[in-house]
PDB file of N, CA and C in Angstrom:
ATOM      1  N   MET A   1     -82.530  87.891-186.823  1.00  0.00           N
ATOM      2  CA  MET A   1     -83.443  86.740-186.598  1.00  0.00           C
ATOM      3  C   MET A   1     -84.614  86.818-186.999  1.00  0.00           C
ATOM      4  N   VAL A   2     -85.246  85.839-187.564  1.00  0.00           N
ATOM      5  CA  VAL A   2     -86.822  85.728-188.173  1.00  0.00           C
ATOM      6  C   VAL A   2     -87.656  85.150-187.207  1.00  0.00           C
ATOM      7  N   ILE A   3     -88.551  85.757-186.530  1.00  0.00           N
ATOM      8  CA  ILE A   3     -89.622  85.112-185.266  1.00  0.00           C
ATOM      9  C   ILE A   3     -90.419  84.493-186.047  1.00  0.00           C
ATOM     10  N   LYS A   4     -90.984  83.359-186.027  1.00  0.00           N
ATOM     11  CA  LYS A   4     -92.243  82.571-186.443  1.00  0.00           C
ATOM     12  C   LYS A   4     -93.230  83.521-185.740  1.00  0.00           C
ATOM     13  N   MET A   5     -94.401  83.189-186.557  1.00  0.00           N
ATOM     14  CA  MET A   5     -95.640  83.520-186.166  1.00  0.00           C
ATOM     15  C   MET A   5     -96.163  83.114-184.991  1.00  0.00           C
ATOM     16  N   SER A   6     -95.832  81.735-184.618  1.00  0.00           N
ATOM     17  CA  SER A   6     -96.536  80.946-183.311  1.00  0.00           C
ATOM     18  C   SER A   6     -95.530  81.520-182.192  1.00  0.00           C
ATOM     19  N   GLU A   7     -94.064  81.868-182.601  1.00  0.00           N
ATOM     20  CA  GLU A   7     -93.109  82.549-181.488  1.00  0.00           C
ATOM     21  C   GLU A   7     -93.784  83.977-181.112  1.00  0.00           C
ATOM     22  N   GLU A   8     -94.179  84.618-182.148  1.00  0.00           N
ATOM     23  CA  GLU A   8     -94.701  85.857-181.778  1.00  0.00           C
ATOM     24  C   GLU A   8     -95.985  85.862-181.141  1.00  0.00           C
ATOM     25  N   LYS A   9     -96.862  84.844-181.264  1.00  0.00           N
ATOM     26  CA  LYS A   9     -98.130  84.961-180.635  1.00  0.00           C
ATOM     27  C   LYS A   9     -98.007  84.507-179.321  1.00  0.00           C
ATOM     28  N   VAL A  10     -97.188  83.610-178.797  1.00  0.00           N
ATOM     29  CA  VAL A  10     -96.610  83.198-177.754  1.00  0.00           C
ATOM     30  C   VAL A  10     -96.065  84.249-176.655  1.00  0.00           C
ATOM     31  N   PHE A  11     -94.839  85.123-177.364  1.00  0.00           N
ATOM     32  CA  PHE A  11     -94.461  86.288-176.820  1.00  0.00           C
ATOM     33  C   PHE A  11     -95.647  87.423-176.428  1.00  0.00           C
ATOM     34  N   GLU A  12     -96.797  87.590-177.512  1.00  0.00           N
ATOM     35  CA  GLU A  12     -97.566  88.695-177.484  1.00  0.00           C
ATOM     36  C   GLU A  12     -98.502  88.317-176.021  1.00  0.00           C
ATOM     37  N   VAL A  13     -98.755  87.002-176.082  1.00  0.00           N
ATOM     38  CA  VAL A  13     -99.716  86.411-174.917  1.00  0.00           C
ATOM     39  C   VAL A  13     -98.933  86.717-173.462  1.00  0.00           C
ATOM     40  N   LEU A  14     -97.624  86.512-173.366  1.00  0.00           N
ATOM     41  CA  LEU A  14     -96.762  86.421-172.443  1.00  0.00           C
ATOM     42  C   LEU A  14     -96.735  88.025-171.573  1.00  0.00           C
ATOM     43  N   LYS A  15     -96.563  88.911-173.028  1.00  0.00           N
ATOM     44  CA  LYS A  15     -96.447  90.454-172.605  1.00  0.00           C
ATOM     45  C   LYS A  15     -97.427  90.877-172.329  1.00  0.00           C
ATOM     46  N   ASN A  16     -98.836  90.492-172.921  1.00  0.00           N
ATOM     47  CA  ASN A  16    -100.022  91.170-172.299  1.00  0.00           C
ATOM     48  C   ASN A  16    -100.494  90.544-171.189  1.00  0.00           C
ATOM     49  N   ALA A  17    -100.024  89.470-170.697  1.00  0.00           N
ATOM     50  CA  ALA A  17    -100.558  88.592-169.373  1.00  0.00           C
ATOM     51  C   ALA A  17    -100.518  89.806-168.211  1.00  0.00           C
ATOM     52  N   GLY A  18     -99.533  90.209-168.130  1.00  0.00           N
ATOM     53  CA  GLY A  18     -99.175  91.102-166.841  1.00  0.00           C
ATOM     54  C   GLY A  18     -98.983  90.464-165.649  1.00  0.00           C
ATOM     55  N   LYS A  19     -98.501  89.078-165.848  1.00  0.00           N
ATOM     56  CA  LYS A  19     -98.156  88.173-164.769  1.00  0.00           C
ATOM     57  C   LYS A  19     -97.662  86.831-165.458  1.00  0.00           C
ATOM     58  N   PRO A  20     -96.966  86.091-164.364  1.00  0.00           N
ATOM     59  CA  PRO A  20     -96.239  84.908-165.013  1.00  0.00           C
ATOM     60  C   PRO A  20     -97.490  83.716-165.333  1.00  0.00           C
ATOM     61  N   LEU A  21     -97.069  82.942-166.482  1.00  0.00           N
ATOM     62  CA  LEU A  21     -98.401  81.981-166.880  1.00  0.00           C
ATOM     63  C   LEU A  21     -97.793  80.592-167.121  1.00  0.00           C
ATOM     64  N   ARG A  22     -98.415  79.795-166.851  1.00  0.00           N
ATOM     65  CA  ARG A  22     -98.079  78.353-167.009  1.00  0.00           C
ATOM     66  C   ARG A  22     -98.385  77.819-168.713  1.00  0.00           C
ATOM     67  N   THR A  23     -97.604  77.003-169.065  1.00  0.00           N
ATOM     68  CA  THR A  23     -97.409  76.668-170.266  1.00  0.00           C
ATOM     69  C   THR A  23     -99.050  76.501-171.012  1.00  0.00           C
ATOM     70  N   LYS A  24     -99.830  75.558-170.202  1.00  0.00           N
ATOM     71  CA  LYS A  24    -100.964  75.511-170.312  1.00  0.00           C
ATOM     72  C   LYS A  24    -102.061  76.720-170.675  1.00  0.00           C
ATOM     73  N   GLU A  25    -101.827  77.353-169.930  1.00  0.00           N
ATOM     74  CA  GLU A  25    -102.364  78.846-170.028  1.00  0.00           C
ATOM     75  C   GLU A  25    -102.286  79.458-171.175  1.00  0.00           C
ATOM     76  N   ILE A  26    -100.763  79.686-171.317  1.00  0.00           N
ATOM     77  CA  ILE A  26    -100.367  80.335-172.775  1.00  0.00           C
ATOM     78  C   ILE A  26    -100.874  79.709-173.721  1.00  0.00           C
ATOM     79  N   ALA A  27    -101.147  78.433-173.789  1.00  0.00           N
ATOM     80  CA  ALA A  27    -101.744  77.565-174.997  1.00  0.00           C
ATOM     81  C   ALA A  27    -102.948  77.851-175.087  1.00  0.00           C
ATOM     82  N   GLU A  28    -103.692  78.055-174.012  1.00  0.00           N
ATOM     83  CA  GLU A  28    -105.121  78.117-174.476  1.00  0.00           C
ATOM     84  C   GLU A  28    -105.568  79.823-174.546  1.00  0.00           C
ATOM     85  N   LEU A  29    -104.598  80.587-174.267  1.00  0.00           N
ATOM     86  CA  LEU A  29    -104.936  82.133-174.673  1.00  0.00           C
ATOM     87  C   LEU A  29    -104.329  82.361-176.010  1.00  0.00           C
ATOM     88  N   ALA A  30    -103.380  81.652-176.630  1.00  0.00           N
ATOM     89  CA  ALA A  30    -102.768  81.527-178.028  1.00  0.00           C
ATOM     90  C   ALA A  30    -103.713  80.814-179.045  1.00  0.00           C
ATOM     91  N   GLY A  31    -104.371  79.858-178.353  1.00  0.00           N
ATOM     92  CA  GLY A  31    -105.142  78.915-179.231  1.00  0.00           C
ATOM     93  C   GLY A  31    -104.168  78.069-180.156  1.00  0.00           C
ATOM     94  N   MET A  32    -103.475  77.356-179.035  1.00  0.00           N
ATOM     95  CA  MET A  32    -102.369  76.650-179.877  1.00  0.00           C
ATOM     96  C   MET A  32    -102.279  75.175-178.719  1.00  0.00           C
ATOM     97  N   ASP A  33    -101.341  74.258-179.570  1.00  0.00           N
ATOM     98  CA  ASP A  33    -101.366  72.987-178.556  1.00  0.00           C
ATOM     99  C   ASP A  33    -100.197  73.240-177.469  1.00  0.00           C
ATOM    100  N   SER A  34    -100.429  72.797-176.534  1.00  0.00           N
ATOM    101  CA  SER A  34     -99.515  73.162-175.201  1.00  0.00           C
ATOM    102  C   SER A  34     -98.211  72.211-175.426  1.00  0.00           C
ATOM    103  N   LYS A  35     -97.932  71.428-176.189  1.00  0.00           N
ATOM    104  CA  LYS A  35     -96.641  70.669-176.608  1.00  0.00           C
ATOM    105  C   LYS A  35     -95.955  71.777-177.368  1.00  0.00           C
ATOM    106  N   GLU A  36     -96.553  72.162-178.385  1.00  0.00           N
ATOM    107  CA  GLU A  36     -95.970  73.361-179.188  1.00  0.00           C
ATOM    108  C   GLU A  36     -95.781  74.518-178.396  1.00  0.00           C
ATOM    109  N   VAL A  37     -96.444  74.877-177.524  1.00  0.00           N
ATOM    110  CA  VAL A  37     -95.978  76.103-177.086  1.00  0.00           C
ATOM    111  C   VAL A  37     -94.852  75.871-175.919  1.00  0.00           C
ATOM    112  N   GLY A  38     -94.699  74.695-175.316  1.00  0.00           N
ATOM    113  CA  GLY A  38     -93.650  74.302-174.712  1.00  0.00           C
ATOM    114  C   GLY A  38     -91.952  74.277-175.232  1.00  0.00           C
ATOM    115  N   LYS A  39     -92.418  73.725-176.480  1.00  0.00           N
ATOM    116  CA  LYS A  39     -90.960  73.780-177.434  1.00  0.00           C
ATOM    117  C   LYS A  39     -90.654  75.329-177.319  1.00  0.00           C
ATOM    118  N   ILE A  40     -91.751  76.294-177.947  1.00  0.00           N
ATOM    119  CA  ILE A  40     -91.402  77.937-178.312  1.00  0.00           C
ATOM    120  C   ILE A  40     -90.883  78.106-177.091  1.00  0.00           C
ATOM    121  N   ILE A  41     -91.471  77.897-175.535  1.00  0.00           N
ATOM    122  CA  ILE A  41     -90.982  78.577-174.489  1.00  0.00           C
ATOM    123  C   ILE A  41     -89.487  78.352-174.400  1.00  0.00           C
ATOM    124  N   ASN A  42     -89.176  77.007-174.741  1.00  0.00           N
ATOM    125  CA  ASN A  42     -87.798  76.722-174.406  1.00  0.00           C
ATOM    126  C   ASN A  42     -86.721  77.330-175.311  1.00  0.00           C
ATOM    127  N   ARG A  43     -87.255  77.568-176.717  1.00  0.00           N
ATOM    128  CA  ARG A  43     -86.349  78.310-177.485  1.00  0.00           C
ATOM    129  C   ARG A  43     -86.211  79.746-177.106  1.00  0.00           C
ATOM    130  N   LEU A  44     -87.393  80.225-176.740  1.00  0.00           N
ATOM    131  CA  LEU A  44     -87.225  81.541-176.307  1.00  0.00           C
ATOM    132  C   LEU A  44     -86.576  81.886-175.139  1.00  0.00           C
ATOM    133  N   LYS A  45     -86.497  81.030-174.159  1.00  0.00           N
ATOM    134  CA  LYS A  45     -85.724  80.915-172.814  1.00  0.00           C
ATOM    135  C   LYS A  45     -84.155  80.933-173.376  1.00  0.00           C
ATOM    136  N   LYS A  46     -84.032  79.844-174.172  1.00  0.00           N
ATOM    137  CA  LYS A  46     -82.773  79.983-174.533  1.00  0.00           C
ATOM    138  C   LYS A  46     -82.015  81.320-175.288  1.00  0.00           C
ATOM    139  N   GLU A  47     -83.010  81.951-175.949  1.00  0.00           N
ATOM    140  CA  GLU A  47     -82.599  83.390-176.409  1.00  0.00           C
ATOM    141  C   GLU A  47     -82.418  84.449-175.523  1.00  0.00           C
ATOM    142  N   GLY A  48     -83.041  84.144-174.187  1.00  0.00           N
ATOM    143  CA  GLY A  48     -83.195  85.223-173.122  1.00  0.00           C
ATOM    144  C   GLY A  48     -84.446  86.259-173.147  1.00  0.00           C
ATOM    145  N   LYS A  49     -85.408  86.017-174.160  1.00  0.00           N
ATOM    146  CA  LYS A  49     -86.612  86.483-174.314  1.00  0.00           C
ATOM    147  C   LYS A  49     -87.870  86.368-172.998  1.00  0.00           C
ATOM    148  N   VAL A  50     -87.346  85.157-172.816  1.00  0.00           N
ATOM    149  CA  VAL A  50     -88.501  84.752-171.541  1.00  0.00           C
ATOM    150  C   VAL A  50     -87.891  84.123-170.348  1.00  0.00           C
ATOM    151  N   LYS A  51     -88.269  84.612-169.221  1.00  0.00           N
ATOM    152  CA  LYS A  51     -87.639  84.219-168.217  1.00  0.00           C
ATOM    153  C   LYS A  51     -88.615  83.325-167.111  1.00  0.00           C
ATOM    154  N   SER A  52     -88.292  82.642-166.441  1.00  0.00           N
ATOM    155  CA  SER A  52     -88.927  81.776-165.570  1.00  0.00           C
ATOM    156  C   SER A  52     -88.942  82.017-164.278  1.00  0.00           C
ATOM    157  N   PRO A  53     -89.581  82.927-163.544  1.00  0.00           N
ATOM    158  CA  PRO A  53     -89.819  83.342-162.128  1.00  0.00           C
ATOM    159  C   PRO A  53     -89.833  82.356-161.008  1.00  0.00           C
ATOM    160  N   LYS A  54     -90.378  81.622-161.304  1.00  0.00           N
ATOM    161  CA  LYS A  54     -90.685  80.314-160.561  1.00  0.00           C
ATOM    162  C   LYS A  54     -91.053  79.056-161.413  1.00  0.00           C
ATOM    163  N   ARG A  55     -90.580  77.801-160.900  1.00  0.00           N
ATOM    164  CA  ARG A  55     -90.802  76.652-161.743  1.00  0.00           C
ATOM    165  C   ARG A  55     -91.986  76.426-162.388  1.00  0.00           C
ATOM    166  N   CYS A  56     -92.030  76.277-163.747  1.00  0.00           N
ATOM    167  CA  CYS A  56     -93.263  76.049-164.644  1.00  0.00           C
ATOM    168  C   CYS A  56     -93.887  77.489-164.691  1.00  0.00           C
ATOM    169  N   TYR A  57     -93.516  78.742-164.551  1.00  0.00           N
ATOM    170  CA  TYR A  57     -94.273  79.792-164.945  1.00  0.00           C
ATOM    171  C   TYR A  57     -93.443  80.600-165.703  1.00  0.00           C
ATOM    172  N   TYR A  58     -93.766  81.211-167.000  1.00  0.00           N
ATOM    173  CA  TYR A  58     -93.082  81.956-167.736  1.00  0.00           C
ATOM    174  C   TYR A  58     -93.573  83.325-167.872  1.00  0.00           C
ATOM    175  N   SER A  59     -92.720  84.453-167.976  1.00  0.00           N
ATOM    176  CA  SER A  59     -93.149  85.907-168.462  1.00  0.00           C
ATOM    177  C   SER A  59     -92.172  86.278-169.392  1.00  0.00           C
ATOM    178  N   VAL A  60     -92.374  87.702-169.723  1.00  0.00           N
ATOM    179  CA  VAL A  60     -91.089  88.246-170.401  1.00  0.00           C
ATOM    180  C   VAL A  60     -90.476  89.639-169.644  1.00  0.00           C
TER     181      VAL A  60
END
């Protein structure tokens, strides 16, 4: 599967954070719109690449 550049950016932010982040924090660190990040997070969650240790927080 080909990973889009924006998905790669979100994944890298989560990987480098070292702690679970909220969608808004991910968007700020990636320099992206939070709605777009939310869509990417949902896609990555369905693929099993991202997990949610507690409500509204995401990590790899």
